[in-house]
Structures are given as structure tokens and as C-alpha cells.
Amino acid sequence: MFIVKHKYFFVGLSLIMFLLSCFSIFHYGLNLGIDFKGGSIMEIDYNDVRPDVTAVKEALSSLNIGETVVQETGDKGLLIKMRDLKEGERVSVVKALAINGAKFDEKRFDSIGPVIGEEMSRKAVVAIVLVSIMIALFIAFAFRHVSQPVSSFKYGIAALIALLHDTVIPTGIMAYMGAKYGTEMDLLFVSAILAILGISVHDTIVVFDRTRENLKNKVSKSFEETVGISLNQTFVRSINTSATTIFTLLALYFLGGESTKTFSLILAVGVFFGTYSSVFLASPLLLLMEGWQGKRKK
């Protein structure tokens, strides 16, 4: 009952985090990777000792190919991000990377034009918006037999607000990381957001479904008390499930490869806030809607 008694505090805290994330997005902007703005990415593994990153950057700067991002991967690998390169420029890059005759294997080279990048950006936004709307409509349909004291449509609205919360906060964190640490947003970030939406709505439905069952069984005459009982019955399950997921993702972040670090970090952050919204935001929103509905009837 602690959560429902302090519903205004938790909803207010969510609002503050949401607004701070919006500020971060508009203030810092999004540092888009080559998946969205176009460019080239090369991943290599040196056979022996990997050259110093500074030496690699100096060798690439002499080619006049613009700004490059060089990241270490594993014990001997490098991940290099550049503007869109022509074949002759790619050959020059390969030669420049053979510092002091060092030999390496080129694991991959991907090149994406700016037109394709813009199309990917548009499709990524459309995918996230459509998934969120379809989830909200599904919840409204699944709870169609629940009409009192809050209509099924409002269950969908509460879930949609929670999903917006879970999408914007990781994006705001990503914008800050892009401005401070040069972290780029790529298609893995979109995959993380879509995964976050799925995990978050799963937790939300668990709580809502228990609320529906308790309303059906009439465990209390008070809707607020019914919601509180439902939260108490599902709280431990939600926390345990999310905690094990976050521990796994943190292990992937600290022990995994460079290419999956951002993905695992954003997904861990999203799972945390997704669990928070399922427990501390979605159900309190239902209570607020029920309160506003009661005032209108009076």
C-alpha cells in the first residue's frame, strides 16, 4: 500500500525524470551513427601486437578522409568509423593501418550512403511509434471486460504513458553520453528500445492482470486498496525478474565485446526504468484517472 499512498510522489518523480530526459535530447541532440547518417565502418584484428590507438589516428589523419572514430575491441582488434569511402580510399585506409608492417585480418567493412541512413532513421521512429500504439490497443482490447471503476481504454492509456516514459529516458541518457563521451546511436540502440518496450509492457500487464482478477474477486470495495494489494502480490516477482536480467546485461557490458557495450548498457537502464514504470507509474496513473473520473461525475 506504500506505493498507492504516495502515488503523487512517484508520478511526480517520473515526470521530473521525463522532463530532464527531454531537456537532454533537445539540448545535446542525438549523436547518430553511420546506420542513420551514412558512413563506413571497418573492424580488424591484428595478428600480433595491436598498434597504439594514437598512432592509428595519426596514420588515418594523413589520408584526409575527415573525422574518424577508433575504438579498441578485444585484445588485438580495432573498430574504425569513418565517412562513406570509395574503393580507392578504402584501400588507402587498409595500407595506413599496417603500421610498421603490422599484419591484420579485415573482419568486416560496411558502407552506408546518406540516403539509406535517412530512410533507416525514419523507419526506426515509425517502428517504435507503431509498436507503442499497438501495445496500448492490445491492452485496451485484452481488458475490454473491465469497465468499473476504470474503463479498459484507460488501462491502455496508462500503459502507453509508461512506454513513452521508458523510451524517452534511455534516449535522454544516450544523448548525454553522445555529447560527453562520443557514444553513437545505431540500429542496436533501436533494437534495445524495442526490447525495453516488450519487457516493460510485460511487467505492466502482470500488474494490471492481477488488478483485474482482484476486482473480479472483490478483494476490497476500494479501487485504491485493490490496486495496492495487486502491487504487493506482484512486486517481488517484478523486482526479481528485472534484477536477474540487469545482472546479465551488466556482465555483458563489462565482459563482452566493444560493439555490444552500448546496447547492453542502454538495455540494462531501460529494464530498470521499465520495471519502475510498471510498478510505480502505470498503476498510480490508473488511480489518478479513477479519481478524475469520480470528480467529473460529481
C-alpha atoms as a PDB file:
ATOM      1  CA  MET A   1       0.000   0.000   0.000  1.00  0.00           C
ATOM      2  CA  PHE A   2       3.043   2.277   0.278  1.00  0.00           C
ATOM      3  CA  ILE A   3       3.047   2.924  -3.491  1.00  0.00           C
ATOM      4  CA  VAL A   4      -0.630   3.856  -3.808  1.00  0.00           C
ATOM      5  CA  LYS A   5      -0.495   6.096  -0.735  1.00  0.00           C
ATOM      6  CA  HIS A   6       2.385   8.047  -2.278  1.00  0.00           C
ATOM      7  CA  LYS A   7       1.138   7.953  -5.874  1.00  0.00           C
ATOM      8  CA  TYR A   8       1.595  11.698  -6.393  1.00  0.00           C
ATOM      9  CA  PHE A   9       5.253  11.456  -5.376  1.00  0.00           C
ATOM     10  CA  PHE A  10       6.031   8.596  -7.761  1.00  0.00           C
ATOM     11  CA  VAL A  11       4.138  10.143 -10.675  1.00  0.00           C
ATOM     12  CA  GLY A  12       5.894  13.459  -9.977  1.00  0.00           C
ATOM     13  CA  LEU A  13       9.299  11.737  -9.853  1.00  0.00           C
ATOM     14  CA  SER A  14       8.589  10.094 -13.203  1.00  0.00           C
ATOM     15  CA  LEU A  15       7.585  13.449 -14.655  1.00  0.00           C
ATOM     16  CA  ILE A  16      10.834  15.044 -13.462  1.00  0.00           C
ATOM     17  CA  MET A  17      12.939  12.245 -14.992  1.00  0.00           C
ATOM     18  CA  PHE A  18      10.934  12.509 -18.226  1.00  0.00           C
ATOM     19  CA  LEU A  19      11.441  16.281 -18.468  1.00  0.00           C
ATOM     20  CA  LEU A  20      15.161  16.003 -17.691  1.00  0.00           C
ATOM     21  CA  SER A  21      15.496  13.421 -20.461  1.00  0.00           C
ATOM     22  CA  CYS A  22      13.620  15.675 -22.903  1.00  0.00           C
ATOM     23  CA  PHE A  23      15.970  18.516 -21.980  1.00  0.00           C
ATOM     24  CA  SER A  24      18.966  16.263 -22.601  1.00  0.00           C
ATOM     25  CA  ILE A  25      17.636  15.252 -26.028  1.00  0.00           C
ATOM     26  CA  PHE A  26      16.929  18.808 -27.195  1.00  0.00           C
ATOM     27  CA  HIS A  27      19.996  20.357 -25.556  1.00  0.00           C
ATOM     28  CA  TYR A  28      22.635  17.836 -26.593  1.00  0.00           C
ATOM     29  CA  GLY A  29      20.953  16.330 -29.655  1.00  0.00           C
ATOM     30  CA  LEU A  30      21.413  12.757 -30.813  1.00  0.00           C
ATOM     31  CA  ASN A  31      24.862  11.627 -31.940  1.00  0.00           C
ATOM     32  CA  LEU A  32      23.732   9.469 -34.846  1.00  0.00           C
ATOM     33  CA  GLY A  33      25.998   6.685 -36.059  1.00  0.00           C
ATOM     34  CA  ILE A  34      26.623   5.588 -39.620  1.00  0.00           C
ATOM     35  CA  ASP A  35      23.454   3.472 -39.590  1.00  0.00           C
ATOM     36  CA  PHE A  36      21.458   6.724 -39.696  1.00  0.00           C
ATOM     37  CA  LYS A  37      23.688   9.424 -41.209  1.00  0.00           C
ATOM     38  CA  GLY A  38      25.729   7.229 -43.531  1.00  0.00           C
ATOM     39  CA  GLY A  39      29.401   6.300 -43.436  1.00  0.00           C
ATOM     40  CA  SER A  40      31.793   3.367 -43.297  1.00  0.00           C
ATOM     41  CA  ILE A  41      32.779   1.019 -40.521  1.00  0.00           C
ATOM     42  CA  MET A  42      35.761  -1.317 -40.540  1.00  0.00           C
ATOM     43  CA  GLU A  43      36.627  -3.963 -37.980  1.00  0.00           C
ATOM     44  CA  ILE A  44      40.093  -5.543 -37.971  1.00  0.00           C
ATOM     45  CA  ASP A  45      42.141  -7.933 -35.838  1.00  0.00           C
ATOM     46  CA  TYR A  46      45.938  -7.643 -35.704  1.00  0.00           C
ATOM     47  CA  ASN A  47      47.886 -10.886 -35.849  1.00  0.00           C
ATOM     48  CA  ASP A  48      50.420  -9.826 -33.239  1.00  0.00           C
ATOM     49  CA  VAL A  49      50.578  -6.701 -31.071  1.00  0.00           C
ATOM     50  CA  ARG A  50      47.958  -4.033 -31.713  1.00  0.00           C
ATOM     51  CA  PRO A  51      49.456  -0.587 -32.500  1.00  0.00           C
ATOM     52  CA  ASP A  52      48.729   2.318 -30.194  1.00  0.00           C
ATOM     53  CA  VAL A  53      45.379   3.978 -30.937  1.00  0.00           C
ATOM     54  CA  THR A  54      47.047   7.400 -31.153  1.00  0.00           C
ATOM     55  CA  ALA A  55      49.397   6.106 -33.858  1.00  0.00           C
ATOM     56  CA  VAL A  56      46.438   4.691 -35.782  1.00  0.00           C
ATOM     57  CA  LYS A  57      44.584   8.011 -35.631  1.00  0.00           C
ATOM     58  CA  GLU A  58      47.664   9.885 -36.854  1.00  0.00           C
ATOM     59  CA  ALA A  59      48.070   7.459 -39.760  1.00  0.00           C
ATOM     60  CA  LEU A  60      44.425   7.915 -40.768  1.00  0.00           C
ATOM     61  CA  SER A  61      44.504  11.709 -40.405  1.00  0.00           C
ATOM     62  CA  SER A  62      47.186  11.901 -43.108  1.00  0.00           C
ATOM     63  CA  LEU A  63      44.698  10.443 -45.626  1.00  0.00           C
ATOM     64  CA  ASN A  64      42.346  13.449 -45.492  1.00  0.00           C
ATOM     65  CA  ILE A  65      39.230  11.309 -45.121  1.00  0.00           C
ATOM     66  CA  GLY A  66      37.679  13.507 -42.444  1.00  0.00           C
ATOM     67  CA  GLU A  67      36.900  12.666 -38.844  1.00  0.00           C
ATOM     68  CA  THR A  68      37.446   9.077 -37.746  1.00  0.00           C
ATOM     69  CA  VAL A  69      36.489   7.208 -34.582  1.00  0.00           C
ATOM     70  CA  VAL A  70      38.847   4.436 -33.469  1.00  0.00           C
ATOM     71  CA  GLN A  71      37.799   2.009 -30.733  1.00  0.00           C
ATOM     72  CA  GLU A  72      39.662  -0.944 -29.273  1.00  0.00           C
ATOM     73  CA  THR A  73      37.895  -4.310 -29.415  1.00  0.00           C
ATOM     74  CA  GLY A  74      39.160  -7.376 -27.598  1.00  0.00           C
ATOM     75  CA  ASP A  75      42.898  -7.836 -27.146  1.00  0.00           C
ATOM     76  CA  LYS A  76      44.056  -7.119 -30.697  1.00  0.00           C
ATOM     77  CA  GLY A  77      41.131  -5.610 -32.574  1.00  0.00           C
ATOM     78  CA  LEU A  78      40.075  -2.148 -33.713  1.00  0.00           C
ATOM     79  CA  LEU A  79      36.703  -0.761 -34.762  1.00  0.00           C
ATOM     80  CA  ILE A  80      37.060   2.241 -37.092  1.00  0.00           C
ATOM     81  CA  LYS A  81      34.180   4.527 -38.119  1.00  0.00           C
ATOM     82  CA  MET A  82      34.626   6.976 -40.999  1.00  0.00           C
ATOM     83  CA  ARG A  83      32.656   8.852 -43.627  1.00  0.00           C
ATOM     84  CA  ASP A  84      31.417   6.968 -46.660  1.00  0.00           C
ATOM     85  CA  LEU A  85      34.546   5.801 -48.529  1.00  0.00           C
ATOM     86  CA  LYS A  86      35.172   4.979 -52.149  1.00  0.00           C
ATOM     87  CA  GLU A  87      37.043   1.800 -53.010  1.00  0.00           C
ATOM     88  CA  GLY A  88      40.326   3.648 -53.584  1.00  0.00           C
ATOM     89  CA  GLU A  89      40.039   5.358 -50.204  1.00  0.00           C
ATOM     90  CA  ARG A  90      39.305   2.049 -48.503  1.00  0.00           C
ATOM     91  CA  VAL A  91      42.489   0.586 -49.981  1.00  0.00           C
ATOM     92  CA  SER A  92      44.438   3.593 -48.669  1.00  0.00           C
ATOM     93  CA  VAL A  93      42.974   3.044 -45.204  1.00  0.00           C
ATOM     94  CA  VAL A  94      43.992  -0.624 -45.243  1.00  0.00           C
ATOM     95  CA  LYS A  95      47.563   0.344 -46.163  1.00  0.00           C
ATOM     96  CA  ALA A  96      47.679   3.054 -43.467  1.00  0.00           C
ATOM     97  CA  LEU A  97      46.580   0.572 -40.788  1.00  0.00           C
ATOM     98  CA  ALA A  98      49.597  -1.639 -41.483  1.00  0.00           C
ATOM     99  CA  ILE A  99      51.715   0.472 -39.116  1.00  0.00           C
ATOM    100  CA  ASN A 100      55.376  -0.613 -39.108  1.00  0.00           C
ATOM    101  CA  GLY A 101      54.403  -3.559 -41.275  1.00  0.00           C
ATOM    102  CA  ALA A 102      51.871  -4.925 -38.802  1.00  0.00           C
ATOM    103  CA  LYS A 103      49.639  -7.594 -40.307  1.00  0.00           C
ATOM    104  CA  PHE A 104      45.933  -7.868 -39.617  1.00  0.00           C
ATOM    105  CA  ASP A 105      42.727  -9.539 -40.792  1.00  0.00           C
ATOM    106  CA  GLU A 106      39.836  -7.409 -42.012  1.00  0.00           C
ATOM    107  CA  LYS A 107      36.785  -8.921 -40.323  1.00  0.00           C
ATOM    108  CA  ARG A 108      34.205  -6.648 -41.913  1.00  0.00           C
ATOM    109  CA  PHE A 109      33.712  -3.449 -43.890  1.00  0.00           C
ATOM    110  CA  ASP A 110      30.260  -1.883 -44.193  1.00  0.00           C
ATOM    111  CA  SER A 111      29.374   1.257 -46.084  1.00  0.00           C
ATOM    112  CA  ILE A 112      26.001   3.022 -45.872  1.00  0.00           C
ATOM    113  CA  GLY A 113      25.040   6.009 -48.010  1.00  0.00           C
ATOM    114  CA  PRO A 114      23.316   9.083 -46.507  1.00  0.00           C
ATOM    115  CA  VAL A 115      20.032   8.372 -48.345  1.00  0.00           C
ATOM    116  CA  ILE A 116      19.809   4.874 -46.851  1.00  0.00           C
ATOM    117  CA  GLY A 117      20.748   6.321 -43.455  1.00  0.00           C
ATOM    118  CA  GLU A 118      17.853   8.810 -43.574  1.00  0.00           C
ATOM    119  CA  GLU A 119      15.458   6.030 -44.568  1.00  0.00           C
ATOM    120  CA  MET A 120      16.645   3.916 -41.629  1.00  0.00           C
ATOM    121  CA  SER A 121      16.090   6.851 -39.253  1.00  0.00           C
ATOM    122  CA  ARG A 122      12.544   7.288 -40.485  1.00  0.00           C
ATOM    123  CA  LYS A 123      11.757   3.580 -40.290  1.00  0.00           C
ATOM    124  CA  ALA A 124      13.247   3.333 -36.778  1.00  0.00           C
ATOM    125  CA  VAL A 125      10.965   6.102 -35.482  1.00  0.00           C
ATOM    126  CA  VAL A 126       7.929   4.603 -37.236  1.00  0.00           C
ATOM    127  CA  ALA A 127       8.697   1.156 -35.790  1.00  0.00           C
ATOM    128  CA  ILE A 128       8.920   2.458 -32.204  1.00  0.00           C
ATOM    129  CA  VAL A 129       5.732   4.551 -32.511  1.00  0.00           C
ATOM    130  CA  LEU A 130       3.728   1.748 -34.133  1.00  0.00           C
ATOM    131  CA  VAL A 131       4.857  -0.822 -31.576  1.00  0.00           C
ATOM    132  CA  SER A 132       3.866   1.503 -28.707  1.00  0.00           C
ATOM    133  CA  ILE A 133       0.421   2.222 -30.184  1.00  0.00           C
ATOM    134  CA  MET A 134      -0.273  -1.440 -30.972  1.00  0.00           C
ATOM    135  CA  ILE A 135       0.705  -2.451 -27.433  1.00  0.00           C
ATOM    136  CA  ALA A 136      -1.674   0.140 -25.963  1.00  0.00           C
ATOM    137  CA  LEU A 137      -4.516  -1.012 -28.245  1.00  0.00           C
ATOM    138  CA  PHE A 138      -3.861  -4.652 -27.358  1.00  0.00           C
ATOM    139  CA  ILE A 139      -4.062  -3.886 -23.633  1.00  0.00           C
ATOM    140  CA  ALA A 140      -7.308  -1.960 -24.148  1.00  0.00           C
ATOM    141  CA  PHE A 141      -8.709  -4.970 -26.046  1.00  0.00           C
ATOM    142  CA  ALA A 142      -7.422  -7.555 -23.562  1.00  0.00           C
ATOM    143  CA  PHE A 143      -9.059  -5.661 -20.669  1.00  0.00           C
ATOM    144  CA  ARG A 144     -12.283  -4.956 -22.582  1.00  0.00           C
ATOM    145  CA  HIS A 145     -14.386  -6.762 -19.971  1.00  0.00           C
ATOM    146  CA  VAL A 146     -13.092  -4.440 -17.248  1.00  0.00           C
ATOM    147  CA  SER A 147     -15.318  -1.375 -17.140  1.00  0.00           C
ATOM    148  CA  GLN A 148     -15.504  -0.437 -13.471  1.00  0.00           C
ATOM    149  CA  PRO A 149     -14.297   1.721 -11.941  1.00  0.00           C
ATOM    150  CA  VAL A 150     -11.815   2.462 -14.784  1.00  0.00           C
ATOM    151  CA  SER A 151     -12.543   1.580 -18.415  1.00  0.00           C
ATOM    152  CA  SER A 152     -10.280  -0.771 -20.377  1.00  0.00           C
ATOM    153  CA  PHE A 153      -9.294   2.122 -22.640  1.00  0.00           C
ATOM    154  CA  LYS A 154      -7.640   3.851 -19.680  1.00  0.00           C
ATOM    155  CA  TYR A 155      -5.548   0.761 -18.955  1.00  0.00           C
ATOM    156  CA  GLY A 156      -4.175   1.184 -22.475  1.00  0.00           C
ATOM    157  CA  ILE A 157      -3.562   4.916 -21.948  1.00  0.00           C
ATOM    158  CA  ALA A 158      -1.685   4.263 -18.683  1.00  0.00           C
ATOM    159  CA  ALA A 159       0.456   1.628 -20.420  1.00  0.00           C
ATOM    160  CA  LEU A 160       1.168   3.984 -23.337  1.00  0.00           C
ATOM    161  CA  ILE A 161       2.314   6.755 -20.967  1.00  0.00           C
ATOM    162  CA  ALA A 162       4.560   4.258 -19.178  1.00  0.00           C
ATOM    163  CA  LEU A 163       6.026   3.146 -22.524  1.00  0.00           C
ATOM    164  CA  LEU A 164       6.695   6.766 -23.503  1.00  0.00           C
ATOM    165  CA  HIS A 165       8.472   7.191 -20.165  1.00  0.00           C
ATOM    166  CA  ASP A 166      10.555   4.051 -20.821  1.00  0.00           C
ATOM    167  CA  THR A 167      11.520   5.233 -24.321  1.00  0.00           C
ATOM    168  CA  VAL A 168      12.411   8.844 -23.605  1.00  0.00           C
ATOM    169  CA  ILE A 169      14.590   8.299 -20.513  1.00  0.00           C
ATOM    170  CA  PRO A 170      17.110   5.903 -22.180  1.00  0.00           C
ATOM    171  CA  THR A 171      17.152   8.222 -25.222  1.00  0.00           C
ATOM    172  CA  GLY A 172      17.960  11.178 -22.967  1.00  0.00           C
ATOM    173  CA  ILE A 173      20.773   9.209 -21.345  1.00  0.00           C
ATOM    174  CA  MET A 174      22.033   8.275 -24.813  1.00  0.00           C
ATOM    175  CA  ALA A 175      22.014  11.946 -25.861  1.00  0.00           C
ATOM    176  CA  TYR A 176      24.101  12.861 -22.800  1.00  0.00           C
ATOM    177  CA  MET A 177      26.547  10.023 -23.465  1.00  0.00           C
ATOM    178  CA  GLY A 178      26.841  11.129 -27.086  1.00  0.00           C
ATOM    179  CA  ALA A 179      27.707  14.684 -26.082  1.00  0.00           C
ATOM    180  CA  LYS A 180      30.128  13.769 -23.268  1.00  0.00           C
ATOM    181  CA  TYR A 181      31.702  10.529 -24.460  1.00  0.00           C
ATOM    182  CA  GLY A 182      31.031  10.454 -28.198  1.00  0.00           C
ATOM    183  CA  THR A 183      28.707   7.438 -27.955  1.00  0.00           C
ATOM    184  CA  GLU A 184      26.902   6.954 -31.262  1.00  0.00           C
ATOM    185  CA  MET A 185      23.313   5.884 -31.718  1.00  0.00           C
ATOM    186  CA  ASP A 186      22.972   2.959 -34.125  1.00  0.00           C
ATOM    187  CA  LEU A 187      20.483   0.250 -35.009  1.00  0.00           C
ATOM    188  CA  LEU A 188      21.460  -1.693 -31.877  1.00  0.00           C
ATOM    189  CA  PHE A 189      20.032   1.206 -29.867  1.00  0.00           C
ATOM    190  CA  VAL A 190      16.723   0.855 -31.726  1.00  0.00           C
ATOM    191  CA  SER A 191      16.787  -2.879 -31.004  1.00  0.00           C
ATOM    192  CA  ALA A 192      17.364  -2.096 -27.315  1.00  0.00           C
ATOM    193  CA  ILE A 193      14.409   0.318 -27.234  1.00  0.00           C
ATOM    194  CA  LEU A 194      12.092  -2.230 -28.849  1.00  0.00           C
ATOM    195  CA  ALA A 195      13.247  -4.867 -26.356  1.00  0.00           C
ATOM    196  CA  ILE A 196      12.652  -2.413 -23.500  1.00  0.00           C
ATOM    197  CA  LEU A 197       9.088  -1.824 -24.700  1.00  0.00           C
ATOM    198  CA  GLY A 198       8.414  -5.557 -24.684  1.00  0.00           C
ATOM    199  CA  ILE A 199       9.893  -6.122 -21.230  1.00  0.00           C
ATOM    200  CA  SER A 200       8.162  -3.092 -19.748  1.00  0.00           C
ATOM    201  CA  VAL A 201       4.709  -3.908 -21.070  1.00  0.00           C
ATOM    202  CA  HIS A 202       5.087  -7.498 -19.859  1.00  0.00           C
ATOM    203  CA  ASP A 203       5.579  -6.284 -16.286  1.00  0.00           C
ATOM    204  CA  THR A 204       2.742  -3.787 -16.655  1.00  0.00           C
ATOM    205  CA  ILE A 205       0.321  -6.443 -17.900  1.00  0.00           C
ATOM    206  CA  VAL A 206       1.240  -8.714 -14.971  1.00  0.00           C
ATOM    207  CA  VAL A 207       0.248  -5.985 -12.507  1.00  0.00           C
ATOM    208  CA  PHE A 208      -2.867  -4.984 -14.461  1.00  0.00           C
ATOM    209  CA  ASP A 209      -3.977  -8.595 -14.816  1.00  0.00           C
ATOM    210  CA  ARG A 210      -3.690  -9.149 -11.079  1.00  0.00           C
ATOM    211  CA  THR A 211      -5.717  -5.967 -10.545  1.00  0.00           C
ATOM    212  CA  ARG A 212      -8.383  -7.299 -12.915  1.00  0.00           C
ATOM    213  CA  GLU A 213      -8.534 -10.616 -11.052  1.00  0.00           C
ATOM    214  CA  ASN A 214      -8.782  -8.894  -7.686  1.00  0.00           C
ATOM    215  CA  LEU A 215     -11.564  -6.632  -8.986  1.00  0.00           C
ATOM    216  CA  LYS A 216     -13.397  -9.731 -10.196  1.00  0.00           C
ATOM    217  CA  ASN A 217     -12.926 -11.468  -6.821  1.00  0.00           C
ATOM    218  CA  LYS A 218     -13.891  -8.264  -4.967  1.00  0.00           C
ATOM    219  CA  VAL A 219     -10.976  -8.411  -2.535  1.00  0.00           C
ATOM    220  CA  SER A 220     -11.847  -4.857  -1.465  1.00  0.00           C
ATOM    221  CA  LYS A 221     -14.564  -2.284  -2.011  1.00  0.00           C
ATOM    222  CA  SER A 222     -11.927   0.386  -2.577  1.00  0.00           C
ATOM    223  CA  PHE A 223     -10.248   0.537  -6.011  1.00  0.00           C
ATOM    224  CA  GLU A 224      -7.158   2.093  -4.442  1.00  0.00           C
ATOM    225  CA  GLU A 225      -6.843  -0.733  -1.935  1.00  0.00           C
ATOM    226  CA  THR A 226      -7.379  -3.319  -4.690  1.00  0.00           C
ATOM    227  CA  VAL A 227      -4.553  -1.809  -6.732  1.00  0.00           C
ATOM    228  CA  GLY A 228      -2.343  -1.722  -3.636  1.00  0.00           C
ATOM    229  CA  ILE A 229      -2.991  -5.394  -2.922  1.00  0.00           C
ATOM    230  CA  SER A 230      -2.243  -6.261  -6.551  1.00  0.00           C
ATOM    231  CA  LEU A 231       1.068  -4.385  -6.426  1.00  0.00           C
ATOM    232  CA  ASN A 232       2.045  -6.150  -3.206  1.00  0.00           C
ATOM    233  CA  GLN A 233       1.301  -9.530  -4.797  1.00  0.00           C
ATOM    234  CA  THR A 234       3.426  -8.861  -7.916  1.00  0.00           C
ATOM    235  CA  PHE A 235       6.167  -6.589  -6.536  1.00  0.00           C
ATOM    236  CA  VAL A 236       8.713  -9.254  -5.582  1.00  0.00           C
ATOM    237  CA  ARG A 237       8.258 -11.106  -8.873  1.00  0.00           C
ATOM    238  CA  SER A 238       8.824  -7.942 -10.933  1.00  0.00           C
ATOM    239  CA  ILE A 239      11.931  -6.937  -8.985  1.00  0.00           C
ATOM    240  CA  ASN A 240      13.496 -10.420  -9.080  1.00  0.00           C
ATOM    241  CA  THR A 241      12.888 -10.863 -12.809  1.00  0.00           C
ATOM    242  CA  SER A 242      14.335  -7.459 -13.665  1.00  0.00           C
ATOM    243  CA  ALA A 243      17.295  -7.813 -11.299  1.00  0.00           C
ATOM    244  CA  THR A 244      18.443 -11.075 -12.890  1.00  0.00           C
ATOM    245  CA  THR A 245      18.112  -9.513 -16.356  1.00  0.00           C
ATOM    246  CA  ILE A 246      20.088  -6.423 -15.337  1.00  0.00           C
ATOM    247  CA  PHE A 247      22.872  -8.525 -13.765  1.00  0.00           C
ATOM    248  CA  THR A 248      23.210 -10.472 -17.024  1.00  0.00           C
ATOM    249  CA  LEU A 249      23.329  -7.286 -19.087  1.00  0.00           C
ATOM    250  CA  LEU A 250      25.944  -5.719 -16.803  1.00  0.00           C
ATOM    251  CA  ALA A 251      28.077  -8.840 -17.174  1.00  0.00           C
ATOM    252  CA  LEU A 252      27.778  -8.440 -20.957  1.00  0.00           C
ATOM    253  CA  TYR A 253      28.726  -4.765 -20.638  1.00  0.00           C
ATOM    254  CA  PHE A 254      31.871  -5.365 -18.573  1.00  0.00           C
ATOM    255  CA  LEU A 255      32.984  -8.666 -20.113  1.00  0.00           C
ATOM    256  CA  GLY A 256      31.544  -8.542 -23.631  1.00  0.00           C
ATOM    257  CA  GLY A 257      32.907  -7.027 -26.818  1.00  0.00           C
ATOM    258  CA  GLU A 258      33.127  -3.319 -27.582  1.00  0.00           C
ATOM    259  CA  SER A 259      30.385  -3.472 -30.209  1.00  0.00           C
ATOM    260  CA  THR A 260      27.748  -4.609 -27.668  1.00  0.00           C
ATOM    261  CA  LYS A 261      28.677  -2.338 -24.747  1.00  0.00           C
ATOM    262  CA  THR A 262      26.258   0.466 -25.577  1.00  0.00           C
ATOM    263  CA  PHE A 263      23.471  -1.985 -26.395  1.00  0.00           C
ATOM    264  CA  SER A 264      23.814  -3.852 -23.091  1.00  0.00           C
ATOM    265  CA  LEU A 265      24.095  -0.630 -21.049  1.00  0.00           C
ATOM    266  CA  ILE A 266      21.040   1.029 -22.610  1.00  0.00           C
ATOM    267  CA  LEU A 267      19.052  -2.188 -22.305  1.00  0.00           C
ATOM    268  CA  ALA A 268      20.009  -2.501 -18.613  1.00  0.00           C
ATOM    269  CA  VAL A 269      18.966   1.113 -17.995  1.00  0.00           C
ATOM    270  CA  GLY A 270      15.736   0.544 -19.898  1.00  0.00           C
ATOM    271  CA  VAL A 271      14.882  -2.611 -17.949  1.00  0.00           C
ATOM    272  CA  PHE A 272      15.410  -0.706 -14.689  1.00  0.00           C
ATOM    273  CA  PHE A 273      13.139   2.187 -15.677  1.00  0.00           C
ATOM    274  CA  GLY A 274      10.692  -0.191 -17.362  1.00  0.00           C
ATOM    275  CA  THR A 275      10.265  -2.031 -14.078  1.00  0.00           C
ATOM    276  CA  TYR A 276       9.957   1.275 -12.248  1.00  0.00           C
ATOM    277  CA  SER A 277       7.203   2.469 -14.593  1.00  0.00           C
ATOM    278  CA  SER A 278       5.304  -0.830 -14.372  1.00  0.00           C
ATOM    279  CA  VAL A 279       5.205  -0.709 -10.583  1.00  0.00           C
ATOM    280  CA  PHE A 280       5.472   2.953  -9.606  1.00  0.00           C
ATOM    281  CA  LEU A 281       3.874   4.758 -12.577  1.00  0.00           C
ATOM    282  CA  ALA A 282       1.284   2.722 -14.513  1.00  0.00           C
ATOM    283  CA  SER A 283      -0.861   1.700 -11.524  1.00  0.00           C
ATOM    284  CA  PRO A 284      -0.719   5.133  -9.810  1.00  0.00           C
ATOM    285  CA  LEU A 285      -1.856   6.609 -13.140  1.00  0.00           C
ATOM    286  CA  LEU A 286      -4.893   4.329 -13.032  1.00  0.00           C
ATOM    287  CA  LEU A 287      -5.696   5.660  -9.566  1.00  0.00           C
ATOM    288  CA  LEU A 288      -5.357   9.261 -10.760  1.00  0.00           C
ATOM    289  CA  MET A 289      -7.677   8.547 -13.713  1.00  0.00           C
ATOM    290  CA  GLU A 290     -10.183   6.936 -11.374  1.00  0.00           C
ATOM    291  CA  GLY A 291     -10.020   9.994  -9.113  1.00  0.00           C
ATOM    292  CA  TRP A 292     -10.526  12.428 -12.017  1.00  0.00           C
ATOM    293  CA  GLN A 293     -13.410  10.301 -13.294  1.00  0.00           C
ATOM    294  CA  GLY A 294     -15.066  10.422  -9.873  1.00  0.00           C
ATOM    295  CA  LYS A 295     -14.756  14.232  -9.705  1.00  0.00           C
ATOM    296  CA  ARG A 296     -16.396  14.634 -13.129  1.00  0.00           C
ATOM    297  CA  LYS A 297     -19.343  12.502 -12.049  1.00  0.00           C
ATOM    298  CA  LYS A 298     -19.865  14.719  -9.017  1.00  0.00           C
END
